[in-house]
Amino acid sequence: MRTKSLLRSLYNNIHFHSHFLPKSISGHLHHHTMSTTTISPSNTRLGWIGTGVMGQSMCSHLIKAGYTLTIFTRTKSKSQPLLDIGAHWASSPHAVASQSDVVFSIVGYPSDVRHVLLHPTSGALSGLAPNGILVDMTTSEPSLAVEISNSAAEKSCFSVDAPVSGGDRGARNAALSIFAGGDESIVKRLNPVLALLGKVNYMGGAGKGQFAKLANQITIASTMVGLIEGLIYAHKAGLDLGVYLDAISTGAAGSKSLDLYGQRILKRDFEAGFFVNHFVKDLGICLRECQNMGIALPGLALAQQLYVSLKAHGEGDLGTQALILSLERLNNFSLE
């Protein structure tokens, strides 16, 4: 106990000058106190893997809040805007983790999550010191979240699954819904950082964040089909679609999907705030989980098939609002 209190007092006295210490000493002190101190820019180094449509904005909020941020992404040029505002580059997820106390990831597919976090030599967990925390914000498989949590525990580290909803606009405005699964005390410790990105919702143990996000995607899927079908019907009925969308937006048919995508659809703006490819991946995970649970969700299955048809037409890199193209083809006419 005496050793612990000595270490703590030593840490408090010299933490801000720790760059003068040999790395081994400052690293030990840093990680010894990581499990008890309140996370702040002065005592916590952050890492980030994956700086795509969502990651770019999310990282910028952390840098602007004063955090030291080390990043890795497959295509270095895509991270240049973040390097320009002070992010540090690392050559691999392992290298990110070796310079970080908390490592975030937001990548494409479960296979990418497994590779960047669990690969035995290049993965983040292999470079993380004891008491380090992995936070995976990718929409992925609940079973993989549990596996990451167990693997982290074996290394005296922690893991949180924290997928997000809100698309590119939510990321830019720091207004994401964050679904967090894992040890509740760790999620609470992360709150100062997560609150810079959006609203944290604690959903339960490992994997529960992923289950919540998948339920979120199921809700969005049928909502998008309804939004698009309403537009097709209104167009065929001869309504002015701008006036129509404005009229329904404040009634019971109003939704976040309508707010985010209604005008984009009318302007034929199909740039991805959220990729069709990734939505097909999410809905596929949902359908596999439904099979495991023995439940039938026909709305989910229909939406997934319509989105798969977009992929078949080479439109997987468009945004989810491109669903209008699928319904236009079915009916052999265009809203244009």
Protein backbone atom coordinates (compact mmCIF):
# COMPACT_ATOMS: atom_id res chain seq x y z
CA MET A 1 0.00 0.00 0.00
CA ARG A 2 2.87 2.35 0.91
CA THR A 3 4.45 1.70 -2.48
CA LYS A 4 1.18 2.56 -4.20
CA SER A 5 0.79 5.88 -2.36
CA LEU A 6 4.43 6.76 -3.03
CA LEU A 7 3.95 6.03 -6.71
CA ARG A 8 0.78 8.13 -6.78
CA SER A 9 2.45 11.11 -5.13
CA LEU A 10 5.49 10.77 -7.38
CA TYR A 11 3.18 10.67 -10.39
CA ASN A 12 1.30 13.80 -9.29
CA ASN A 13 4.56 15.72 -8.80
CA ILE A 14 6.22 14.85 -12.06
CA HIS A 15 3.47 13.84 -14.48
CA PHE A 16 3.60 17.07 -16.43
CA HIS A 17 7.36 16.73 -16.81
CA SER A 18 7.27 13.06 -17.68
CA HIS A 19 8.77 13.69 -21.11
CA PHE A 20 12.07 14.19 -19.26
CA LEU A 21 11.85 10.68 -17.83
CA PRO A 22 13.04 7.48 -19.47
CA LYS A 23 10.07 6.03 -21.38
CA SER A 24 9.95 2.90 -19.21
CA ILE A 25 9.48 4.91 -15.98
CA SER A 26 7.00 7.45 -17.32
CA GLY A 27 5.07 4.64 -19.03
CA HIS A 28 4.83 2.64 -15.81
CA LEU A 29 3.63 5.62 -13.79
CA HIS A 30 1.17 6.57 -16.49
CA HIS A 31 -0.44 3.17 -16.67
CA HIS A 32 -0.36 2.59 -12.93
CA THR A 33 -2.68 5.56 -12.45
CA MET A 34 -4.79 5.08 -15.59
CA SER A 35 -7.25 2.90 -13.72
CA THR A 36 -8.03 5.53 -11.07
CA THR A 37 -7.62 9.01 -12.53
CA THR A 38 -10.34 11.01 -14.27
CA ILE A 39 -9.67 11.00 -18.00
CA SER A 40 -8.52 14.38 -19.31
CA PRO A 41 -6.16 15.75 -22.00
CA SER A 42 -3.42 16.16 -19.38
CA ASN A 43 -3.24 12.49 -18.41
CA THR A 44 -4.73 10.37 -21.21
CA ARG A 45 -3.29 9.70 -24.64
CA LEU A 46 -5.83 8.68 -27.27
CA GLY A 47 -5.41 6.50 -30.35
CA TRP A 48 -7.71 6.18 -33.36
CA ILE A 49 -7.91 3.53 -36.08
CA GLY A 50 -10.01 4.34 -39.18
CA THR A 51 -10.50 7.94 -40.34
CA GLY A 52 -13.26 7.56 -42.94
CA VAL A 53 -16.50 9.53 -43.35
CA MET A 54 -17.28 9.26 -39.61
CA GLY A 55 -13.79 9.00 -38.12
CA GLN A 56 -12.52 12.27 -39.63
CA SER A 57 -15.07 14.43 -37.80
CA MET A 58 -14.93 12.41 -34.58
CA CYS A 59 -11.13 12.70 -34.38
CA SER A 60 -11.24 16.44 -35.01
CA HIS A 61 -13.48 16.96 -31.94
CA LEU A 62 -10.93 15.13 -29.75
CA ILE A 63 -7.98 17.12 -31.11
CA LYS A 64 -9.85 20.41 -30.64
CA ALA A 65 -10.60 19.40 -27.03
CA GLY A 66 -6.83 19.22 -26.44
CA TYR A 67 -6.20 15.47 -26.50
CA THR A 68 -2.98 14.01 -27.89
CA LEU A 69 -4.22 11.77 -30.72
CA THR A 70 -2.27 9.12 -32.61
CA ILE A 71 -3.99 7.77 -35.73
CA PHE A 72 -3.73 4.95 -38.24
CA THR A 73 -5.79 4.40 -41.37
CA ARG A 74 -5.18 2.17 -44.39
CA THR A 75 -4.77 5.10 -46.79
CA LYS A 76 -2.51 7.66 -45.11
CA SER A 77 -3.50 10.47 -47.50
CA LYS A 78 -7.09 10.31 -46.18
CA SER A 79 -5.85 11.27 -42.71
CA GLN A 80 -3.92 14.35 -43.92
CA PRO A 81 -6.55 16.89 -42.71
CA LEU A 82 -6.17 15.43 -39.18
CA LEU A 83 -2.36 15.42 -39.35
CA ASP A 84 -2.59 19.08 -40.41
CA ILE A 85 -4.42 19.98 -37.17
CA GLY A 86 -2.07 18.10 -34.86
CA ALA A 87 -2.75 14.35 -34.99
CA HIS A 88 0.30 12.05 -34.90
CA TRP A 89 0.71 9.23 -37.45
CA ALA A 90 1.49 5.62 -36.53
CA SER A 91 2.35 2.88 -39.00
CA SER A 92 0.03 0.17 -37.60
CA PRO A 93 -2.74 -0.42 -35.04
CA HIS A 94 -0.05 -1.96 -32.77
CA ALA A 95 1.99 1.25 -33.02
CA VAL A 96 -1.10 3.36 -32.23
CA ALA A 97 -1.82 1.32 -29.09
CA SER A 98 1.78 1.39 -27.85
CA GLN A 99 1.50 5.21 -27.69
CA SER A 100 -2.06 5.36 -26.29
CA ASP A 101 -4.07 4.69 -23.13
CA VAL A 102 -7.43 4.49 -24.93
CA VAL A 103 -7.69 3.26 -28.54
CA PHE A 104 -10.80 3.87 -30.65
CA SER A 105 -11.60 2.01 -33.86
CA ILE A 106 -14.24 2.68 -36.49
CA VAL A 107 -13.60 0.56 -39.59
CA GLY A 108 -15.72 -1.20 -42.23
CA TYR A 109 -16.50 -4.84 -41.50
CA PRO A 110 -16.21 -7.35 -38.64
CA SER A 111 -13.19 -8.88 -40.44
CA ASP A 112 -11.51 -5.43 -40.32
CA VAL A 113 -12.32 -5.10 -36.60
CA ARG A 114 -10.76 -8.49 -35.92
CA HIS A 115 -7.66 -7.59 -37.93
CA VAL A 116 -6.99 -4.14 -36.45
CA LEU A 117 -7.71 -5.14 -32.84
CA LEU A 118 -6.86 -8.83 -32.44
CA HIS A 119 -4.12 -9.61 -34.98
CA PRO A 120 -1.36 -11.19 -32.85
CA THR A 121 1.45 -8.90 -34.05
CA SER A 122 -0.01 -5.84 -35.80
CA GLY A 123 -3.30 -5.55 -33.84
CA ALA A 124 -3.98 -2.86 -31.25
CA LEU A 125 -4.40 -5.25 -28.33
CA SER A 126 -0.87 -6.58 -28.87
CA GLY A 127 0.50 -3.06 -28.32
CA LEU A 128 -1.70 -1.99 -25.41
CA ALA A 129 -0.24 -1.74 -21.90
CA PRO A 130 -2.15 -3.13 -18.87
CA ASN A 131 -5.22 -1.02 -17.92
CA GLY A 132 -5.49 0.22 -21.51
CA ILE A 133 -8.95 0.46 -23.07
CA LEU A 134 -10.17 -0.54 -26.54
CA VAL A 135 -13.32 1.21 -27.78
CA ASP A 136 -14.73 -0.26 -30.99
CA MET A 137 -17.25 2.09 -32.60
CA THR A 138 -17.74 -0.02 -35.75
CA THR A 139 -21.15 -1.64 -36.21
CA SER A 140 -20.09 -5.26 -35.86
CA GLU A 141 -21.08 -8.67 -34.53
CA PRO A 142 -22.10 -8.93 -30.85
CA SER A 143 -20.19 -12.22 -30.55
CA LEU A 144 -17.00 -10.50 -31.77
CA ALA A 145 -17.47 -7.75 -29.16
CA VAL A 146 -17.60 -10.46 -26.46
CA GLU A 147 -14.47 -12.11 -27.90
CA ILE A 148 -12.58 -8.78 -27.89
CA SER A 149 -13.69 -8.16 -24.29
CA ASN A 150 -12.41 -11.59 -23.20
CA SER A 151 -9.12 -11.16 -25.08
CA ALA A 152 -8.61 -7.72 -23.50
CA ALA A 153 -9.31 -9.10 -20.00
CA GLU A 154 -6.60 -11.75 -20.52
CA LYS A 155 -4.13 -8.88 -20.98
CA SER A 156 -5.45 -6.92 -17.94
CA CYS A 157 -7.03 -4.45 -20.37
CA PHE A 158 -10.61 -3.39 -20.98
CA SER A 159 -12.88 -3.27 -24.01
CA VAL A 160 -16.09 -1.39 -24.80
CA ASP A 161 -18.30 -1.89 -27.85
CA ALA A 162 -19.68 1.56 -28.68
CA PRO A 163 -21.23 1.70 -32.17
CA VAL A 164 -22.86 4.99 -33.12
CA SER A 165 -25.91 6.30 -34.99
CA GLY A 166 -26.36 9.69 -36.59
CA GLY A 167 -24.43 9.48 -39.86
CA ASP A 168 -22.00 12.05 -41.22
CA ARG A 169 -24.05 14.98 -39.90
CA GLY A 170 -24.18 13.53 -36.37
CA ALA A 171 -20.40 13.01 -36.47
CA ARG A 172 -19.74 16.58 -37.67
CA ASN A 173 -22.06 18.11 -35.07
CA ALA A 174 -20.85 15.89 -32.19
CA ALA A 175 -24.47 14.72 -31.88
CA LEU A 176 -24.12 10.96 -32.31
CA SER A 177 -26.10 8.40 -30.35
CA ILE A 178 -23.49 6.11 -28.79
CA PHE A 179 -24.59 2.60 -27.73
CA ALA A 180 -22.08 1.36 -25.15
CA GLY A 181 -21.61 -2.25 -24.01
CA GLY A 182 -19.07 -3.47 -21.48
CA ASP A 183 -18.10 -2.82 -17.86
CA GLU A 184 -20.27 0.08 -16.68
CA SER A 185 -17.49 1.64 -14.59
CA ILE A 186 -15.22 1.75 -17.66
CA VAL A 187 -17.96 3.35 -19.77
CA LYS A 188 -18.40 5.97 -17.02
CA ARG A 189 -14.63 6.62 -16.99
CA LEU A 190 -14.73 7.15 -20.76
CA ASN A 191 -17.61 9.61 -20.51
CA PRO A 192 -15.45 12.79 -20.70
CA VAL A 193 -14.16 11.63 -24.09
CA LEU A 194 -17.35 10.03 -25.46
CA ALA A 195 -19.36 13.14 -24.53
CA LEU A 196 -17.24 15.08 -27.05
CA LEU A 197 -18.76 12.88 -29.78
CA GLY A 198 -22.41 12.65 -28.74
CA LYS A 199 -24.78 11.15 -26.16
CA VAL A 200 -23.65 8.00 -24.35
CA ASN A 201 -26.28 5.33 -23.71
CA TYR A 202 -25.12 2.44 -21.50
CA MET A 203 -26.83 -0.70 -22.82
CA GLY A 204 -25.34 -3.50 -20.67
CA GLY A 205 -22.44 -5.95 -20.77
CA ALA A 206 -20.08 -6.80 -23.64
CA GLY A 207 -21.94 -7.08 -26.96
CA LYS A 208 -25.03 -5.19 -25.77
CA GLY A 209 -23.89 -2.00 -27.52
CA GLN A 210 -23.78 -3.94 -30.78
CA PHE A 211 -27.22 -5.47 -30.19
CA ALA A 212 -28.65 -1.98 -29.56
CA LYS A 213 -27.08 -0.62 -32.76
CA LEU A 214 -28.44 -3.55 -34.79
CA ALA A 215 -31.95 -2.91 -33.42
CA ASN A 216 -31.41 0.74 -34.41
CA GLN A 217 -30.53 -0.36 -37.97
CA ILE A 218 -33.64 -2.56 -38.17
CA THR A 219 -35.75 0.49 -37.25
CA ILE A 220 -34.01 2.71 -39.82
CA ALA A 221 -34.30 0.07 -42.58
CA SER A 222 -38.10 -0.06 -42.58
CA THR A 223 -38.33 3.70 -41.99
CA MET A 224 -36.27 4.31 -45.14
CA VAL A 225 -38.51 1.97 -47.16
CA GLY A 226 -41.58 3.87 -45.89
CA LEU A 227 -40.02 7.26 -46.69
CA ILE A 228 -39.14 6.20 -50.25
CA GLU A 229 -42.51 4.49 -50.91
CA GLY A 230 -44.32 7.62 -49.70
CA LEU A 231 -42.30 9.73 -52.16
CA ILE A 232 -43.02 7.36 -55.06
CA TYR A 233 -46.74 7.43 -54.24
CA ALA A 234 -46.86 11.22 -53.80
CA HIS A 235 -45.04 11.72 -57.10
CA LYS A 236 -47.42 9.38 -58.95
CA ALA A 237 -50.36 11.26 -57.39
CA GLY A 238 -49.02 14.51 -58.85
CA LEU A 239 -48.00 16.20 -55.60
CA ASP A 240 -45.18 18.74 -55.33
CA LEU A 241 -42.63 16.63 -53.45
CA GLY A 242 -40.98 19.57 -51.67
CA VAL A 243 -44.34 20.74 -50.32
CA TYR A 244 -45.29 17.14 -49.48
CA LEU A 245 -42.10 16.48 -47.46
CA ASP A 246 -42.49 19.77 -45.63
CA ALA A 247 -46.11 18.94 -44.80
CA ILE A 248 -45.42 15.49 -43.34
CA SER A 249 -42.21 16.43 -41.52
CA THR A 250 -44.04 17.95 -38.53
CA GLY A 251 -46.72 15.24 -38.33
CA ALA A 252 -46.62 11.62 -37.20
CA ALA A 253 -44.65 10.61 -40.33
CA GLY A 254 -41.77 12.93 -39.39
CA SER A 255 -38.48 11.16 -38.68
CA LYS A 256 -34.72 11.64 -38.43
CA SER A 257 -34.43 9.79 -41.75
CA LEU A 258 -36.78 12.28 -43.39
CA ASP A 259 -34.83 15.23 -41.89
CA LEU A 260 -31.46 13.80 -42.95
CA TYR A 261 -32.35 12.46 -46.38
CA GLY A 262 -35.61 13.95 -47.70
CA GLN A 263 -34.05 16.98 -49.40
CA ARG A 264 -30.99 14.99 -50.49
CA ILE A 265 -33.28 12.57 -52.33
CA LEU A 266 -35.12 15.39 -54.12
CA LYS A 267 -31.77 16.94 -55.15
CA ARG A 268 -30.48 13.52 -56.35
CA ASP A 269 -27.65 13.94 -53.83
CA PHE A 270 -26.57 10.35 -53.20
CA GLU A 271 -23.22 11.12 -51.59
CA ALA A 272 -22.65 8.75 -48.68
CA GLY A 273 -23.27 9.91 -45.15
CA PHE A 274 -23.59 6.17 -44.59
CA PHE A 275 -22.61 3.71 -47.35
CA VAL A 276 -25.09 1.26 -48.90
CA ASN A 277 -22.30 -1.37 -48.65
CA HIS A 278 -22.06 -0.87 -44.89
CA PHE A 279 -25.84 -0.89 -44.43
CA VAL A 280 -26.08 -4.20 -46.34
CA LYS A 281 -23.38 -5.53 -43.98
CA ASP A 282 -25.32 -4.34 -40.92
CA LEU A 283 -28.64 -5.77 -42.10
CA GLY A 284 -26.94 -9.07 -42.96
CA ILE A 285 -25.61 -9.27 -39.37
CA CYS A 286 -29.17 -8.50 -38.14
CA LEU A 287 -30.65 -11.31 -40.23
CA ARG A 288 -28.06 -13.82 -38.95
CA GLU A 289 -28.82 -12.78 -35.36
CA CYS A 290 -32.58 -13.18 -36.08
CA GLN A 291 -31.87 -16.73 -37.22
CA ASN A 292 -29.93 -17.38 -33.98
CA MET A 293 -32.82 -15.96 -31.94
CA GLY A 294 -35.53 -17.74 -33.94
CA ILE A 295 -37.44 -14.55 -34.80
CA ALA A 296 -39.01 -13.40 -38.08
CA LEU A 297 -38.63 -9.72 -39.08
CA PRO A 298 -40.09 -9.41 -42.59
CA GLY A 299 -39.57 -5.63 -42.82
CA LEU A 300 -35.86 -6.10 -42.17
CA ALA A 301 -35.63 -8.89 -44.78
CA LEU A 302 -37.42 -6.79 -47.42
CA ALA A 303 -35.21 -3.74 -46.79
CA GLN A 304 -32.07 -5.88 -46.94
CA GLN A 305 -33.10 -7.29 -50.34
CA LEU A 306 -33.80 -3.81 -51.75
CA TYR A 307 -30.38 -2.60 -50.57
CA VAL A 308 -28.69 -5.72 -51.98
CA SER A 309 -30.23 -4.80 -55.36
CA LEU A 310 -28.42 -1.43 -55.17
CA LYS A 311 -25.15 -3.30 -54.67
CA ALA A 312 -25.99 -5.51 -57.67
CA HIS A 313 -26.30 -2.34 -59.77
CA GLY A 314 -22.86 -1.16 -58.64
CA GLU A 315 -24.30 1.47 -56.27
CA GLY A 316 -22.79 0.19 -53.01
CA ASP A 317 -20.65 3.29 -52.50
CA LEU A 318 -23.66 5.61 -52.58
CA GLY A 319 -25.48 6.73 -49.42
CA THR A 320 -28.47 4.87 -47.99
CA GLN A 321 -30.83 7.51 -49.47
CA ALA A 322 -30.02 5.94 -52.88
CA LEU A 323 -32.75 3.41 -52.01
CA ILE A 324 -34.95 5.63 -54.19
CA LEU A 325 -33.10 4.21 -57.25
CA SER A 326 -34.17 0.68 -56.37
CA LEU A 327 -37.86 1.64 -56.05
CA GLU A 328 -37.71 3.75 -59.22
CA ARG A 329 -36.42 0.73 -61.16
CA LEU A 330 -39.18 -1.47 -59.72
CA ASN A 331 -41.79 1.00 -60.94
CA ASN A 332 -40.02 1.96 -64.19
CA PHE A 333 -40.08 5.72 -63.61
CA SER A 334 -37.99 8.40 -61.96
CA LEU A 335 -38.85 11.24 -59.56
CA GLU A 336 -36.69 13.53 -61.72
